[in-house]
Amino acid sequence: MLSNIGVPGLILILVVALVIFGPNKLPEIGRAFGKSIREFKKATDGLADDIREELKEEIKVAKDEKIDLKK
C-alpha cells in the first residue's frame, strides 16, 4: 500500500498534515500513529503464532493417527 507513495507524495502528505494539525500537534499525532502501528503488528504476530501452533498440533495428531494426507 505505502510502497506506491514516492518522496513527492510523502512531502505532500506532510504539508497537508502540517496545515491541518499545526506544528505543535504533529509530533503527538506521529507518536500516537507509531504506537498504533506497533500494537497492530504485535496483534497480527500473535494471531499468526496461534495459527502456526494449531497447525503443528493438527499435523502431530495426523501423524500419530497415521492418516494418509495424500488422499
Protein backbone atom coordinates (compact mmCIF):
# COMPACT_ATOMS: atom_id res chain seq x y z
CA MET A 1 0.00 0.00 0.00
CA LEU A 2 2.62 2.53 1.04
CA SER A 3 5.18 1.25 -1.47
CA ASN A 4 3.49 3.22 -4.26
CA ILE A 5 3.95 6.55 -2.45
CA GLY A 6 7.12 8.30 -3.53
CA VAL A 7 9.04 11.19 -2.00
CA PRO A 8 6.76 13.87 -3.56
CA GLY A 9 3.72 12.08 -2.16
CA LEU A 10 5.22 11.91 1.33
CA ILE A 11 6.10 15.61 1.21
CA LEU A 12 2.56 16.45 0.13
CA ILE A 13 1.08 14.36 2.98
CA LEU A 14 3.41 16.05 5.48
CA VAL A 15 2.47 19.55 4.25
CA VAL A 16 -1.27 18.75 4.40
CA ALA A 17 -0.90 17.31 7.92
CA LEU A 18 1.09 20.38 8.98
CA VAL A 19 -1.60 22.72 7.68
CA ILE A 20 -4.46 20.74 9.24
CA PHE A 21 -2.97 19.95 12.65
CA GLY A 22 -0.31 22.62 13.10
CA PRO A 23 3.34 22.22 14.06
CA ASN A 24 2.68 21.75 17.79
CA LYS A 25 0.25 18.85 17.45
CA LEU A 26 2.13 16.97 14.70
CA PRO A 27 4.73 15.17 16.91
CA GLU A 28 1.98 13.96 19.24
CA ILE A 29 -0.01 12.58 16.32
CA GLY A 30 3.11 10.89 14.92
CA ARG A 31 3.79 9.18 18.26
CA ALA A 32 0.19 8.00 18.51
CA PHE A 33 0.30 6.68 14.95
CA GLY A 34 3.57 4.83 15.59
CA LYS A 35 2.19 3.31 18.78
CA SER A 36 -0.93 2.16 16.94
CA ILE A 37 1.15 0.53 14.20
CA ARG A 38 3.28 -1.30 16.80
CA GLU A 39 0.19 -2.61 18.60
CA PHE A 40 -1.32 -3.76 15.31
CA LYS A 41 1.88 -5.62 14.39
CA LYS A 42 2.00 -7.29 17.82
CA ALA A 43 -1.61 -8.42 17.45
CA THR A 44 -1.08 -9.82 13.95
CA ASP A 45 2.13 -11.58 15.02
CA GLY A 46 0.30 -13.14 17.97
CA LEU A 47 -2.50 -14.33 15.71
CA ALA A 48 -0.04 -15.82 13.22
CA ASP A 49 1.78 -17.63 16.06
CA ASP A 50 -1.52 -19.07 17.31
CA ILE A 51 -2.36 -20.35 13.84
CA ARG A 52 1.09 -21.93 13.45
CA GLU A 53 0.76 -23.70 16.81
CA GLU A 54 -2.66 -25.08 15.89
CA LEU A 55 -1.35 -26.34 12.56
CA LYS A 56 1.58 -28.03 14.31
CA GLU A 57 -0.85 -29.75 16.69
CA GLU A 58 -3.05 -30.90 13.81
CA ILE A 59 -0.05 -32.28 11.91
CA LYS A 60 1.12 -34.10 15.02
CA VAL A 61 -2.33 -35.66 15.53
CA ALA A 62 -2.44 -36.68 11.87
CA LYS A 63 0.99 -38.31 12.14
CA ASP A 64 0.05 -40.06 15.38
CA GLU A 65 -3.10 -41.46 13.80
CA LYS A 66 -1.16 -42.32 10.63
CA ILE A 67 -3.68 -40.61 8.44
CA ASP A 68 -2.68 -40.55 4.80
CA LEU A 69 -2.82 -36.87 3.89
CA LYS A 70 -2.12 -37.55 0.21
CA LYS A 71 -5.61 -38.89 -0.50
